[in-house]
Amino acid sequence: MQKSEMKLVVIIAEDELEPRLTKEILNLGARGYSASRVRGEGWHGARKSEWEGENVRIETIVSDPVADAILARVAERYMPHFAVVVYVQSVNILRVEKFT
């Protein structure tokens, strides 16, 4: 069993950003993503009502250069204007051909 190291990029953002963010990460080279609704509380506080919407968690497994491009794009276009958290972890992947 051979493993390959890649990057797991996780973006947590306002749910209305999901279509824009997923389109961007695919255009930057991601082969796919997973998205789910999440809730929590942070420095922006918690969303207290339904009209405020939910948060979305978008995860993608990518190469180092694609991870760097996603981070740069999120930092430039989204972080100044929206409640967005993004982080990266190194992960070991089986079936790396699914992600490259």
PDB file of N, CA and C in Angstrom:
ATOM      1  N   MET A   1       0.855  -1.179   0.000  1.00  0.00           N
ATOM      2  CA  MET A   1       0.000   0.000   0.000  1.00  0.00           C
ATOM      3  C   MET A   1       0.895   1.234   0.000  1.00  0.00           C
ATOM      4  N   GLN A   2       0.781   2.029  -1.043  1.00  0.00           N
ATOM      5  CA  GLN A   2       1.586   3.235  -1.172  1.00  0.00           C
ATOM      6  C   GLN A   2       0.763   4.467  -0.827  1.00  0.00           C
ATOM      7  N   LYS A   3       1.350   5.337  -0.022  1.00  0.00           N
ATOM      8  CA  LYS A   3       0.687   6.577   0.380  1.00  0.00           C
ATOM      9  C   LYS A   3       1.410   7.750  -0.264  1.00  0.00           C
ATOM     10  N   SER A   4       0.668   8.808  -0.505  1.00  0.00           N
ATOM     11  CA  SER A   4       1.250  10.050  -1.011  1.00  0.00           C
ATOM     12  C   SER A   4       0.797  11.184  -0.112  1.00  0.00           C
ATOM     13  N   GLU A   5       1.690  12.126   0.147  1.00  0.00           N
ATOM     14  CA  GLU A   5       1.321  13.271   0.970  1.00  0.00           C
ATOM     15  C   GLU A   5       0.734  14.368   0.093  1.00  0.00           C
ATOM     16  N   MET A   6      -0.414  14.874   0.536  1.00  0.00           N
ATOM     17  CA  MET A   6      -1.067  15.985  -0.141  1.00  0.00           C
ATOM     18  C   MET A   6      -1.562  16.950   0.922  1.00  0.00           C
ATOM     19  N   LYS A   7      -2.298  17.963   0.517  1.00  0.00           N
ATOM     20  CA  LYS A   7      -2.817  18.964   1.446  1.00  0.00           C
ATOM     21  C   LYS A   7      -4.337  18.917   1.478  1.00  0.00           C
ATOM     22  N   LEU A   8      -4.872  18.946   2.689  1.00  0.00           N
ATOM     23  CA  LEU A   8      -6.304  19.098   2.896  1.00  0.00           C
ATOM     24  C   LEU A   8      -6.545  20.571   3.190  1.00  0.00           C
ATOM     25  N   VAL A   9      -7.269  21.231   2.303  1.00  0.00           N
ATOM     26  CA  VAL A   9      -7.624  22.638   2.496  1.00  0.00           C
ATOM     27  C   VAL A   9      -9.066  22.679   2.984  1.00  0.00           C
ATOM     28  N   VAL A  10      -9.286  23.383   4.092  1.00  0.00           N
ATOM     29  CA  VAL A  10     -10.619  23.506   4.679  1.00  0.00           C
ATOM     30  C   VAL A  10     -10.982  24.986   4.729  1.00  0.00           C
ATOM     31  N   ILE A  11     -12.117  25.315   4.163  1.00  0.00           N
ATOM     32  CA  ILE A  11     -12.631  26.690   4.166  1.00  0.00           C
ATOM     33  C   ILE A  11     -13.968  26.673   4.887  1.00  0.00           C
ATOM     34  N   ILE A  12     -14.105  27.509   5.897  1.00  0.00           N
ATOM     35  CA  ILE A  12     -15.384  27.681   6.582  1.00  0.00           C
ATOM     36  C   ILE A  12     -15.827  29.110   6.327  1.00  0.00           C
ATOM     37  N   ALA A  13     -17.008  29.256   5.747  1.00  0.00           N
ATOM     38  CA  ALA A  13     -17.445  30.576   5.289  1.00  0.00           C
ATOM     39  C   ALA A  13     -18.960  30.692   5.362  1.00  0.00           C
ATOM     40  N   GLU A  14     -19.428  31.891   5.134  1.00  0.00           N
ATOM     41  CA  GLU A  14     -20.865  32.144   5.030  1.00  0.00           C
ATOM     42  C   GLU A  14     -21.417  31.322   3.868  1.00  0.00           C
ATOM     43  N   ASP A  15     -22.561  30.690   4.068  1.00  0.00           N
ATOM     44  CA  ASP A  15     -23.069  29.745   3.074  1.00  0.00           C
ATOM     45  C   ASP A  15     -23.333  30.359   1.704  1.00  0.00           C
ATOM     46  N   GLU A  16     -23.613  31.643   1.651  1.00  0.00           N
ATOM     47  CA  GLU A  16     -23.865  32.255   0.341  1.00  0.00           C
ATOM     48  C   GLU A  16     -22.618  32.287  -0.534  1.00  0.00           C
ATOM     49  N   LEU A  17     -21.440  32.053   0.054  1.00  0.00           N
ATOM     50  CA  LEU A  17     -20.195  32.035  -0.715  1.00  0.00           C
ATOM     51  C   LEU A  17     -19.909  30.680  -1.354  1.00  0.00           C
ATOM     52  N   GLU A  18     -20.658  29.653  -0.987  1.00  0.00           N
ATOM     53  CA  GLU A  18     -20.355  28.309  -1.485  1.00  0.00           C
ATOM     54  C   GLU A  18     -20.227  28.224  -3.006  1.00  0.00           C
ATOM     55  N   PRO A  19     -21.174  28.710  -3.798  1.00  0.00           N
ATOM     56  CA  PRO A  19     -21.027  28.584  -5.254  1.00  0.00           C
ATOM     57  C   PRO A  19     -19.772  29.278  -5.786  1.00  0.00           C
ATOM     58  N   ARG A  20     -19.464  30.435  -5.259  1.00  0.00           N
ATOM     59  CA  ARG A  20     -18.278  31.171  -5.708  1.00  0.00           C
ATOM     60  C   ARG A  20     -16.991  30.463  -5.307  1.00  0.00           C
ATOM     61  N   LEU A  21     -16.924  30.018  -4.050  1.00  0.00           N
ATOM     62  CA  LEU A  21     -15.719  29.356  -3.565  1.00  0.00           C
ATOM     63  C   LEU A  21     -15.475  28.027  -4.264  1.00  0.00           C
ATOM     64  N   THR A  22     -16.511  27.236  -4.455  1.00  0.00           N
ATOM     65  CA  THR A  22     -16.309  25.939  -5.101  1.00  0.00           C
ATOM     66  C   THR A  22     -15.896  26.110  -6.559  1.00  0.00           C
ATOM     67  N   LYS A  23     -16.466  27.089  -7.242  1.00  0.00           N
ATOM     68  CA  LYS A  23     -16.052  27.358  -8.616  1.00  0.00           C
ATOM     69  C   LYS A  23     -14.576  27.777  -8.652  1.00  0.00           C
ATOM     70  N   GLU A  24     -14.178  28.632  -7.724  1.00  0.00           N
ATOM     71  CA  GLU A  24     -12.791  29.101  -7.674  1.00  0.00           C
ATOM     72  C   GLU A  24     -11.820  27.951  -7.416  1.00  0.00           C
ATOM     73  N   ILE A  25     -12.118  27.088  -6.429  1.00  0.00           N
ATOM     74  CA  ILE A  25     -11.151  26.029  -6.129  1.00  0.00           C
ATOM     75  C   ILE A  25     -11.036  25.038  -7.281  1.00  0.00           C
ATOM     76  N   LEU A  26     -12.134  24.772  -7.976  1.00  0.00           N
ATOM     77  CA  LEU A  26     -12.050  23.909  -9.154  1.00  0.00           C
ATOM     78  C   LEU A  26     -11.237  24.575 -10.261  1.00  0.00           C
ATOM     79  N   ASN A  27     -11.454  25.866 -10.479  1.00  0.00           N
ATOM     80  CA  ASN A  27     -10.690  26.592 -11.498  1.00  0.00           C
ATOM     81  C   ASN A  27      -9.205  26.666 -11.168  1.00  0.00           C
ATOM     82  N   LEU A  28      -8.874  26.608  -9.874  1.00  0.00           N
ATOM     83  CA  LEU A  28      -7.474  26.669  -9.454  1.00  0.00           C
ATOM     84  C   LEU A  28      -6.792  25.305  -9.484  1.00  0.00           C
ATOM     85  N   GLY A  29      -7.525  24.252  -9.797  1.00  0.00           N
ATOM     86  CA  GLY A  29      -6.887  22.959  -9.988  1.00  0.00           C
ATOM     87  C   GLY A  29      -7.362  21.821  -9.105  1.00  0.00           C
ATOM     88  N   ALA A  30      -8.276  22.064  -8.187  1.00  0.00           N
ATOM     89  CA  ALA A  30      -8.820  20.973  -7.378  1.00  0.00           C
ATOM     90  C   ALA A  30      -9.643  20.055  -8.269  1.00  0.00           C
ATOM     91  N   ARG A  31      -9.593  18.755  -8.008  1.00  0.00           N
ATOM     92  CA  ARG A  31     -10.363  17.792  -8.798  1.00  0.00           C
ATOM     93  C   ARG A  31     -11.772  17.602  -8.256  1.00  0.00           C
ATOM     94  N   GLY A  32     -12.008  18.054  -7.013  1.00  0.00           N
ATOM     95  CA  GLY A  32     -13.318  17.906  -6.398  1.00  0.00           C
ATOM     96  C   GLY A  32     -13.306  18.533  -5.019  1.00  0.00           C
ATOM     97  N   TYR A  33     -14.418  18.427  -4.349  1.00  0.00           N
ATOM     98  CA  TYR A  33     -14.540  18.993  -3.009  1.00  0.00           C
ATOM     99  C   TYR A  33     -15.717  18.332  -2.306  1.00  0.00           C
ATOM    100  N   SER A  34     -15.773  18.508  -1.006  1.00  0.00           N
ATOM    101  CA  SER A  34     -16.931  18.129  -0.198  1.00  0.00           C
ATOM    102  C   SER A  34     -17.403  19.372   0.524  1.00  0.00           C
ATOM    103  N   ALA A  35     -18.700  19.537   0.637  1.00  0.00           N
ATOM    104  CA  ALA A  35     -19.260  20.699   1.327  1.00  0.00           C
ATOM    105  C   ALA A  35     -20.340  20.226   2.289  1.00  0.00           C
ATOM    106  N   SER A  36     -20.380  20.857   3.456  1.00  0.00           N
ATOM    107  CA  SER A  36     -21.407  20.531   4.440  1.00  0.00           C
ATOM    108  C   SER A  36     -21.754  21.774   5.235  1.00  0.00           C
ATOM    109  N   ARG A  37     -22.942  21.792   5.767  1.00  0.00           N
ATOM    110  CA  ARG A  37     -23.391  22.900   6.615  1.00  0.00           C
ATOM    111  C   ARG A  37     -22.818  22.703   8.012  1.00  0.00           C
ATOM    112  N   VAL A  38     -22.349  23.778   8.611  1.00  0.00           N
ATOM    113  CA  VAL A  38     -21.776  23.733   9.955  1.00  0.00           C
ATOM    114  C   VAL A  38     -22.272  24.918  10.766  1.00  0.00           C
ATOM    115  N   ARG A  39     -22.110  24.806  12.070  1.00  0.00           N
ATOM    116  CA  ARG A  39     -22.435  25.933  12.932  1.00  0.00           C
ATOM    117  C   ARG A  39     -21.369  26.016  14.005  1.00  0.00           C
ATOM    118  N   GLY A  40     -21.270  27.165  14.622  1.00  0.00           N
ATOM    119  CA  GLY A  40     -20.287  27.367  15.671  1.00  0.00           C
ATOM    120  C   GLY A  40     -20.275  28.830  16.072  1.00  0.00           C
ATOM    121  N   GLU A  41     -19.289  29.167  16.850  1.00  0.00           N
ATOM    122  CA  GLU A  41     -19.156  30.547  17.305  1.00  0.00           C
ATOM    123  C   GLU A  41     -17.687  30.907  17.309  1.00  0.00           C
ATOM    124  N   GLY A  42     -17.387  32.121  16.872  1.00  0.00           N
ATOM    125  CA  GLY A  42     -16.013  32.602  16.817  1.00  0.00           C
ATOM    126  C   GLY A  42     -15.976  34.084  17.087  1.00  0.00           C
ATOM    127  N   TRP A  43     -14.960  34.734  16.596  1.00  0.00           N
ATOM    128  CA  TRP A  43     -14.791  36.156  16.895  1.00  0.00           C
ATOM    129  C   TRP A  43     -15.875  37.006  16.245  1.00  0.00           C
ATOM    130  N   HIS A  44     -16.534  36.511  15.209  1.00  0.00           N
ATOM    131  CA  HIS A  44     -17.684  37.223  14.640  1.00  0.00           C
ATOM    132  C   HIS A  44     -18.957  36.933  15.426  1.00  0.00           C
ATOM    133  N   GLY A  45     -18.868  36.048  16.417  1.00  0.00           N
ATOM    134  CA  GLY A  45     -20.054  35.641  17.168  1.00  0.00           C
ATOM    135  C   GLY A  45     -20.769  34.508  16.464  1.00  0.00           C
ATOM    136  N   ALA A  46     -21.934  34.166  16.935  1.00  0.00           N
ATOM    137  CA  ALA A  46     -22.738  33.101  16.344  1.00  0.00           C
ATOM    138  C   ALA A  46     -23.872  33.729  15.542  1.00  0.00           C
ATOM    139  N   ARG A  47     -24.288  33.053  14.496  1.00  0.00           N
ATOM    140  CA  ARG A  47     -25.466  33.503  13.760  1.00  0.00           C
ATOM    141  C   ARG A  47     -26.681  33.128  14.578  1.00  0.00           C
ATOM    142  N   LYS A  48     -27.488  34.114  14.909  1.00  0.00           N
ATOM    143  CA  LYS A  48     -28.559  33.916  15.875  1.00  0.00           C
ATOM    144  C   LYS A  48     -29.929  33.659  15.265  1.00  0.00           C
ATOM    145  N   SER A  49     -30.067  33.838  13.962  1.00  0.00           N
ATOM    146  CA  SER A  49     -31.387  33.656  13.375  1.00  0.00           C
ATOM    147  C   SER A  49     -31.269  33.011  12.001  1.00  0.00           C
ATOM    148  N   GLU A  50     -32.376  32.457  11.516  1.00  0.00           N
ATOM    149  CA  GLU A  50     -32.384  31.793  10.221  1.00  0.00           C
ATOM    150  C   GLU A  50     -32.056  32.734   9.073  1.00  0.00           C
ATOM    151  N   TRP A  51     -32.483  33.981   9.149  1.00  0.00           N
ATOM    152  CA  TRP A  51     -32.256  34.898   8.026  1.00  0.00           C
ATOM    153  C   TRP A  51     -30.782  35.213   7.848  1.00  0.00           C
ATOM    154  N   GLU A  52     -29.967  34.978   8.881  1.00  0.00           N
ATOM    155  CA  GLU A  52     -28.529  35.196   8.751  1.00  0.00           C
ATOM    156  C   GLU A  52     -27.856  34.074   7.970  1.00  0.00           C
ATOM    157  N   GLY A  53     -28.554  32.975   7.750  1.00  0.00           N
ATOM    158  CA  GLY A  53     -27.987  31.857   7.020  1.00  0.00           C
ATOM    159  C   GLY A  53     -27.126  30.969   7.891  1.00  0.00           C
ATOM    160  N   GLU A  54     -26.517  30.003   7.256  1.00  0.00           N
ATOM    161  CA  GLU A  54     -25.647  29.071   7.938  1.00  0.00           C
ATOM    162  C   GLU A  54     -24.221  29.291   7.460  1.00  0.00           C
ATOM    163  N   ASN A  55     -23.337  28.464   7.969  1.00  0.00           N
ATOM    164  CA  ASN A  55     -21.969  28.438   7.474  1.00  0.00           C
ATOM    165  C   ASN A  55     -21.780  27.172   6.663  1.00  0.00           C
ATOM    166  N   VAL A  56     -20.829  27.192   5.759  1.00  0.00           N
ATOM    167  CA  VAL A  56     -20.499  26.030   4.958  1.00  0.00           C
ATOM    168  C   VAL A  56     -19.030  25.687   5.207  1.00  0.00           C
ATOM    169  N   ARG A  57     -18.749  24.395   5.227  1.00  0.00           N
ATOM    170  CA  ARG A  57     -17.372  23.898   5.342  1.00  0.00           C
ATOM    171  C   ARG A  57     -17.064  23.209   4.024  1.00  0.00           C
ATOM    172  N   ILE A  58     -16.060  23.707   3.333  1.00  0.00           N
ATOM    173  CA  ILE A  58     -15.648  23.161   2.042  1.00  0.00           C
ATOM    174  C   ILE A  58     -14.278  22.539   2.228  1.00  0.00           C
ATOM    175  N   GLU A  59     -14.143  21.277   1.852  1.00  0.00           N
ATOM    176  CA  GLU A  59     -12.876  20.567   1.993  1.00  0.00           C
ATOM    177  C   GLU A  59     -12.440  20.063   0.630  1.00  0.00           C
ATOM    178  N   THR A  60     -11.143  20.172   0.362  1.00  0.00           N
ATOM    179  CA  THR A  60     -10.589  19.638  -0.864  1.00  0.00           C
ATOM    180  C   THR A  60      -9.186  19.129  -0.587  1.00  0.00           C
ATOM    181  N   ILE A  61      -8.798  18.073  -1.262  1.00  0.00           N
ATOM    182  CA  ILE A  61      -7.456  17.516  -1.132  1.00  0.00           C
ATOM    183  C   ILE A  61      -6.724  17.802  -2.430  1.00  0.00           C
ATOM    184  N   VAL A  62      -5.576  18.490  -2.297  1.00  0.00           N
ATOM    185  CA  VAL A  62      -4.872  19.005  -3.466  1.00  0.00           C
ATOM    186  C   VAL A  62      -3.358  18.932  -3.263  1.00  0.00           C
ATOM    187  N   SER A  63      -2.627  19.216  -4.324  1.00  0.00           N
ATOM    188  CA  SER A  63      -1.168  19.311  -4.254  1.00  0.00           C
ATOM    189  C   SER A  63      -0.760  20.609  -3.549  1.00  0.00           C
ATOM    190  N   ASP A  64       0.497  20.702  -3.177  1.00  0.00           N
ATOM    191  CA  ASP A  64       1.003  21.915  -2.526  1.00  0.00           C
ATOM    192  C   ASP A  64       0.763  23.183  -3.351  1.00  0.00           C
ATOM    193  N   PRO A  65       1.098  23.183  -4.652  1.00  0.00           N
ATOM    194  CA  PRO A  65       0.885  24.414  -5.419  1.00  0.00           C
ATOM    195  C   PRO A  65      -0.584  24.831  -5.517  1.00  0.00           C
ATOM    196  N   VAL A  66      -1.486  23.861  -5.629  1.00  0.00           N
ATOM    197  CA  VAL A  66      -2.917  24.187  -5.697  1.00  0.00           C
ATOM    198  C   VAL A  66      -3.391  24.712  -4.345  1.00  0.00           C
ATOM    199  N   ALA A  67      -2.911  24.106  -3.258  1.00  0.00           N
ATOM    200  CA  ALA A  67      -3.264  24.599  -1.917  1.00  0.00           C
ATOM    201  C   ALA A  67      -2.815  26.044  -1.756  1.00  0.00           C
ATOM    202  N   ASP A  68      -1.584  26.349  -2.180  1.00  0.00           N
ATOM    203  CA  ASP A  68      -1.078  27.719  -2.072  1.00  0.00           C
ATOM    204  C   ASP A  68      -1.926  28.694  -2.888  1.00  0.00           C
ATOM    205  N   ALA A  69      -2.348  28.275  -4.072  1.00  0.00           N
ATOM    206  CA  ALA A  69      -3.173  29.139  -4.922  1.00  0.00           C
ATOM    207  C   ALA A  69      -4.542  29.385  -4.281  1.00  0.00           C
ATOM    208  N   ILE A  70      -5.129  28.354  -3.697  1.00  0.00           N
ATOM    209  CA  ILE A  70      -6.430  28.510  -3.028  1.00  0.00           C
ATOM    210  C   ILE A  70      -6.297  29.456  -1.843  1.00  0.00           C
ATOM    211  N   LEU A  71      -5.270  29.270  -1.032  1.00  0.00           N
ATOM    212  CA  LEU A  71      -5.065  30.149   0.127  1.00  0.00           C
ATOM    213  C   LEU A  71      -4.906  31.595  -0.300  1.00  0.00           C
ATOM    214  N   ALA A  72      -4.112  31.830  -1.329  1.00  0.00           N
ATOM    215  CA  ALA A  72      -3.890  33.198  -1.813  1.00  0.00           C
ATOM    216  C   ALA A  72      -5.196  33.818  -2.301  1.00  0.00           C
ATOM    217  N   ARG A  73      -5.989  33.061  -3.048  1.00  0.00           N
ATOM    218  CA  ARG A  73      -7.247  33.581  -3.584  1.00  0.00           C
ATOM    219  C   ARG A  73      -8.235  33.896  -2.466  1.00  0.00           C
ATOM    220  N   VAL A  74      -8.371  32.997  -1.501  1.00  0.00           N
ATOM    221  CA  VAL A  74      -9.296  33.225  -0.387  1.00  0.00           C
ATOM    222  C   VAL A  74      -8.850  34.438   0.426  1.00  0.00           C
ATOM    223  N   ALA A  75      -7.552  34.523   0.689  1.00  0.00           N
ATOM    224  CA  ALA A  75      -7.028  35.658   1.463  1.00  0.00           C
ATOM    225  C   ALA A  75      -7.260  36.980   0.749  1.00  0.00           C
ATOM    226  N   GLU A  76      -7.101  36.989  -0.554  1.00  0.00           N
ATOM    227  CA  GLU A  76      -7.233  38.225  -1.339  1.00  0.00           C
ATOM    228  C   GLU A  76      -8.682  38.641  -1.545  1.00  0.00           C
ATOM    229  N   ARG A  77      -9.527  37.706  -1.950  1.00  0.00           N
ATOM    230  CA  ARG A  77     -10.882  38.064  -2.374  1.00  0.00           C
ATOM    231  C   ARG A  77     -11.948  37.973  -1.294  1.00  0.00           C
ATOM    232  N   TYR A  78     -11.745  37.121  -0.308  1.00  0.00           N
ATOM    233  CA  TYR A  78     -12.832  36.842   0.623  1.00  0.00           C
ATOM    234  C   TYR A  78     -12.564  37.306   2.054  1.00  0.00           C
ATOM    235  N   MET A  79     -11.374  37.089   2.550  1.00  0.00           N
ATOM    236  CA  MET A  79     -11.107  37.417   3.954  1.00  0.00           C
ATOM    237  C   MET A  79     -11.332  38.886   4.308  1.00  0.00           C
ATOM    238  N   PRO A  80     -11.024  39.830   3.435  1.00  0.00           N
ATOM    239  CA  PRO A  80     -11.268  41.227   3.807  1.00  0.00           C
ATOM    240  C   PRO A  80     -12.753  41.599   3.934  1.00  0.00           C
ATOM    241  N   HIS A  81     -13.634  40.805   3.317  1.00  0.00           N
ATOM    242  CA  HIS A  81     -15.039  41.204   3.216  1.00  0.00           C
ATOM    243  C   HIS A  81     -16.035  40.275   3.899  1.00  0.00           C
ATOM    244  N   PHE A  82     -15.606  39.066   4.233  1.00  0.00           N
ATOM    245  CA  PHE A  82     -16.533  38.059   4.744  1.00  0.00           C
ATOM    246  C   PHE A  82     -15.929  37.343   5.951  1.00  0.00           C
ATOM    247  N   ALA A  83     -16.806  36.687   6.726  1.00  0.00           N
ATOM    248  CA  ALA A  83     -16.358  35.844   7.831  1.00  0.00           C
ATOM    249  C   ALA A  83     -15.886  34.517   7.235  1.00  0.00           C
ATOM    250  N   VAL A  84     -14.584  34.367   7.086  1.00  0.00           N
ATOM    251  CA  VAL A  84     -14.001  33.191   6.449  1.00  0.00           C
ATOM    252  C   VAL A  84     -12.823  32.701   7.297  1.00  0.00           C
ATOM    253  N   VAL A  85     -12.755  31.391   7.481  1.00  0.00           N
ATOM    254  CA  VAL A  85     -11.605  30.745   8.104  1.00  0.00           C
ATOM    255  C   VAL A  85     -11.084  29.732   7.102  1.00  0.00           C
ATOM    256  N   VAL A  86      -9.782  29.670   6.937  1.00  0.00           N
ATOM    257  CA  VAL A  86      -9.192  28.676   6.041  1.00  0.00           C
ATOM    258  C   VAL A  86      -7.954  28.100   6.714  1.00  0.00           C
ATOM    259  N   TYR A  87      -7.808  26.788   6.597  1.00  0.00           N
ATOM    260  CA  TYR A  87      -6.606  26.152   7.123  1.00  0.00           C
ATOM    261  C   TYR A  87      -6.213  24.967   6.255  1.00  0.00           C
ATOM    262  N   VAL A  88      -4.956  24.542   6.425  1.00  0.00           N
ATOM    263  CA  VAL A  88      -4.383  23.474   5.612  1.00  0.00           C
ATOM    264  C   VAL A  88      -3.730  22.453   6.540  1.00  0.00           C
ATOM    265  N   GLN A  89      -3.907  21.196   6.210  1.00  0.00           N
ATOM    266  CA  GLN A  89      -3.249  20.113   6.922  1.00  0.00           C
ATOM    267  C   GLN A  89      -2.584  19.191   5.915  1.00  0.00           C
ATOM    268  N   SER A  90      -1.450  18.629   6.291  1.00  0.00           N
ATOM    269  CA  SER A  90      -0.841  17.577   5.485  1.00  0.00           C
ATOM    270  C   SER A  90      -1.575  16.278   5.765  1.00  0.00           C
ATOM    271  N   VAL A  91      -1.898  15.544   4.708  1.00  0.00           N
ATOM    272  CA  VAL A  91      -2.603  14.272   4.841  1.00  0.00           C
ATOM    273  C   VAL A  91      -1.930  13.234   3.952  1.00  0.00           C
ATOM    274  N   ASN A  92      -2.000  11.985   4.365  1.00  0.00           N
ATOM    275  CA  ASN A  92      -1.507  10.877   3.557  1.00  0.00           C
ATOM    276  C   ASN A  92      -2.687  10.263   2.829  1.00  0.00           C
ATOM    277  N   ILE A  93      -2.537  10.114   1.537  1.00  0.00           N
ATOM    278  CA  ILE A  93      -3.639   9.698   0.672  1.00  0.00           C
ATOM    279  C   ILE A  93      -3.321   8.363   0.007  1.00  0.00           C
ATOM    280  N   LEU A  94      -4.308   7.499  -0.027  1.00  0.00           N
ATOM    281  CA  LEU A  94      -4.267   6.306  -0.872  1.00  0.00           C
ATOM    282  C   LEU A  94      -5.036   6.638  -2.134  1.00  0.00           C
ATOM    283  N   ARG A  95      -4.741   5.979  -3.222  1.00  0.00           N
ATOM    284  CA  ARG A  95      -5.396   6.252  -4.499  1.00  0.00           C
ATOM    285  C   ARG A  95      -5.214   7.723  -4.916  1.00  0.00           C
ATOM    286  N   VAL A  96      -3.974   8.155  -4.894  1.00  0.00           N
ATOM    287  CA  VAL A  96      -3.655   9.554  -5.193  1.00  0.00           C
ATOM    288  C   VAL A  96      -4.149   9.973  -6.579  1.00  0.00           C
ATOM    289  N   GLU A  97      -4.339   9.024  -7.484  1.00  0.00           N
ATOM    290  CA  GLU A  97      -4.809   9.364  -8.833  1.00  0.00           C
ATOM    291  C   GLU A  97      -6.186  10.021  -8.807  1.00  0.00           C
ATOM    292  N   LYS A  98      -6.953   9.855  -7.752  1.00  0.00           N
ATOM    293  CA  LYS A  98      -8.262  10.504  -7.632  1.00  0.00           C
ATOM    294  C   LYS A  98      -8.130  12.014  -7.407  1.00  0.00           C
ATOM    295  N   PHE A  99      -6.957  12.449  -6.941  1.00  0.00           N
ATOM    296  CA  PHE A  99      -6.782  13.835  -6.528  1.00  0.00           C
ATOM    297  C   PHE A  99      -5.828  14.621  -7.425  1.00  0.00           C
ATOM    298  N   THR A 100      -5.209  13.952  -8.387  1.00  0.00           N
ATOM    299  CA  THR A 100      -4.226  14.644  -9.253  1.00  0.00           C
ATOM    300  C   THR A 100      -4.626  14.569 -10.704  1.00  0.00           C
TER     301      THR A 100
END
